[in-house]
Protein backbone atom coordinates (compact mmCIF):
# COMPACT_ATOMS: atom_id res chain seq x y z
CA MET A 1 2.90 -39.26 -15.28
CA LYS A 2 5.55 -37.14 -15.83
CA LEU A 3 4.77 -32.57 -15.80
CA HIS A 4 4.88 -33.49 -19.75
CA GLU A 5 2.11 -34.71 -19.47
CA LEU A 6 -0.34 -32.80 -17.67
CA SER A 7 -2.72 -31.04 -19.32
CA PRO A 8 -5.96 -28.87 -17.79
CA PRO A 9 -9.22 -30.59 -18.18
CA ILE A 10 -11.55 -29.65 -21.17
CA GLY A 11 -13.32 -26.65 -21.36
CA SER A 12 -11.78 -24.76 -18.93
CA ARG A 13 -8.86 -22.73 -20.60
CA ARG A 14 -11.83 -20.40 -22.56
CA PRO A 15 -10.06 -18.73 -25.72
CA ARG A 16 -9.77 -15.34 -25.18
CA LYS A 17 -12.36 -13.21 -27.33
CA ARG A 18 -10.37 -11.14 -30.42
CA ILE A 19 -12.35 -7.63 -30.37
CA GLY A 20 -12.99 -5.40 -33.55
CA ARG A 21 -12.12 -8.01 -35.96
CA GLY A 22 -14.96 -7.86 -37.86
CA PRO A 23 -18.69 -9.34 -38.92
CA ALA A 24 -17.25 -12.97 -38.88
CA SER A 25 -15.29 -12.78 -35.27
CA GLY A 26 -18.26 -14.02 -33.46
CA GLN A 27 -18.59 -10.43 -32.01
CA GLY A 28 -20.41 -8.58 -35.01
CA THR A 29 -20.53 -5.06 -36.09
CA THR A 30 -20.56 -3.96 -32.90
CA ALA A 31 -17.43 -6.05 -31.36
CA GLY A 32 -20.04 -6.62 -27.75
CA ARG A 33 -20.39 -2.74 -27.57
CA GLY A 34 -24.01 -2.01 -27.90
CA TYR A 35 -25.07 0.24 -30.99
CA ASN A 36 -25.95 3.00 -29.00
CA GLY A 37 -24.33 5.21 -26.44
CA HIS A 38 -21.36 7.28 -24.69
CA LYS A 39 -19.71 3.16 -23.83
CA SER A 40 -20.02 2.57 -27.27
CA ARG A 41 -18.06 5.66 -28.79
CA SER A 42 -13.88 5.41 -29.01
CA GLY A 43 -12.94 7.00 -25.56
CA GLY A 44 -16.45 6.47 -24.34
CA GLY A 45 -16.93 5.66 -20.16
CA VAL A 46 -17.27 7.15 -16.68
CA ARG A 47 -13.88 7.82 -14.91
CA PRO A 48 -12.98 5.62 -12.30
CA GLY A 49 -15.01 6.25 -9.16
CA PHE A 50 -17.84 8.27 -11.36
CA GLU A 51 -21.31 6.18 -9.51
CA GLY A 52 -23.88 8.06 -12.72
CA GLY A 53 -24.14 12.00 -10.71
CA GLN A 54 -24.64 9.82 -7.04
CA MET A 55 -22.25 10.85 -4.55
CA PRO A 56 -19.83 9.18 -4.98
CA ILE A 57 -18.78 6.49 -1.66
CA HIS A 58 -15.11 8.64 -1.66
CA ARG A 59 -16.97 11.69 -0.56
CA ARG A 60 -19.36 9.86 1.31
CA LEU A 61 -16.92 8.73 3.99
CA PRO A 62 -15.96 10.65 6.35
CA LYS A 63 -12.00 11.74 6.40
CA ARG A 64 -9.50 10.97 9.21
CA GLY A 65 -6.66 11.16 10.08
CA PHE A 66 -2.78 12.97 9.41
CA ALA A 67 -0.54 11.21 6.99
CA ASN A 68 2.90 13.04 7.47
CA ILE A 69 5.09 12.55 3.48
CA PHE A 70 7.93 13.82 5.57
CA LYS A 71 7.61 10.99 7.91
CA GLU A 72 11.59 8.98 7.85
CA LYS A 73 11.33 5.61 8.19
CA ILE A 74 14.46 4.73 10.01
CA ALA A 75 15.75 0.60 10.37
CA ILE A 76 16.20 -0.43 14.08
CA VAL A 77 19.21 -2.82 14.46
CA ASN A 78 20.21 -3.70 18.12
CA ILE A 79 23.49 -4.55 19.90
CA ARG A 80 22.78 -8.53 20.18
CA ASP A 81 21.96 -8.50 16.52
CA LEU A 82 25.64 -7.69 15.76
CA ALA A 83 27.45 -10.73 17.80
CA ARG A 84 27.15 -12.35 13.98
CA PHE A 85 30.09 -10.20 13.03
CA GLU A 86 34.02 -10.93 13.71
CA THR A 87 35.76 -8.64 15.78
CA GLY A 88 36.66 -5.75 14.43
CA ALA A 89 34.71 -5.70 11.53
CA LEU A 90 33.00 -2.14 10.25
CA VAL A 91 29.73 -2.30 10.55
CA ASP A 92 28.53 -0.24 8.15
CA GLU A 93 25.00 -0.21 5.94
CA THR A 94 26.07 -2.40 3.50
CA ALA A 95 27.71 -4.62 6.05
CA LEU A 96 24.17 -5.10 7.61
CA VAL A 97 22.61 -5.18 4.10
CA LYS A 98 24.84 -8.17 3.42
CA ALA A 99 24.30 -9.97 6.91
CA GLY A 100 20.28 -10.30 6.13
CA LEU A 101 19.57 -7.28 9.10
CA VAL A 102 18.23 -4.71 7.39
CA LYS A 103 15.86 -5.38 4.54
CA GLY A 104 13.69 -2.84 2.12
CA GLN A 105 13.60 0.99 1.78
CA ARG A 106 14.70 2.59 4.72
CA ASP A 107 16.14 6.75 4.63
CA GLY A 108 18.33 5.42 7.68
CA ILE A 109 19.22 2.79 10.66
CA LYS A 110 19.22 3.21 14.16
CA LEU A 111 21.46 0.96 16.88
CA LEU A 112 19.80 0.80 20.18
CA ALA A 113 21.40 -0.69 23.17
CA ALA A 114 19.23 -4.05 24.00
CA GLY A 115 21.72 -7.09 23.98
CA ASP A 116 25.21 -7.22 25.11
CA ILE A 117 28.63 -6.88 23.46
CA ALA A 118 32.02 -8.03 23.76
CA MET A 119 34.20 -7.49 20.97
CA PRO A 120 35.25 -4.20 19.80
CA LEU A 121 33.70 -3.41 16.52
CA THR A 122 33.96 -0.02 14.08
CA ILE A 123 30.24 1.16 14.07
CA ARG A 124 28.98 4.21 11.09
CA LEU A 125 26.02 4.56 11.31
CA THR A 126 23.37 7.55 10.80
CA LYS A 127 21.96 7.00 15.06
CA VAL A 128 23.18 5.13 17.44
CA SER A 129 21.14 5.57 21.16
CA LYS A 130 23.64 6.99 23.67
CA GLY A 131 22.99 2.99 25.48
CA ALA A 132 24.43 0.91 22.53
CA MET A 133 27.51 4.26 22.08
CA GLU A 134 28.36 3.21 25.79
CA LYS A 135 28.11 -0.13 25.34
CA ILE A 136 30.16 -0.28 22.07
CA THR A 137 32.77 1.95 23.99
CA ALA A 138 32.80 -0.22 27.28
CA ALA A 139 33.99 -3.09 24.49
CA GLY A 140 36.51 -1.38 22.76
CA GLY A 141 34.82 -0.18 19.90
CA THR A 142 33.69 2.69 18.21
CA VAL A 143 31.35 4.89 16.63
CA ASP A 144 31.76 7.35 13.68
CA HIS A 145 28.41 9.28 12.66
CA ILE A 146 27.80 9.44 9.47
């Protein structure tokens, strides 16, 4: 059996319903909408969440919590993760993304002091913790804030 010989089982793939293509299409003159009523007319139908006049579930359930729309998403990088860079390398946002240490959307990157570093690096990030700054300078590196 080869890939080009595969086919789905007979009867498992039904053809698409072609609605509104005339009386001979198998959907009759009403195109599967029935005869009268709000849903049979163009533009008819109720809005999402409408439950026929009953109090909708999104109004019946209690609201809890608070979502801060101004919250910043800061990516975290530890000093132990910087061992993959060469001595004297510039570590900035693009270098961390290229190395695969930071992914996705973010508002900034913060360097934390977990781990040790033995080589001098130039760090250019938005946020650096005090402990990380001390370890970088002790290793002979420099820290520039953006």
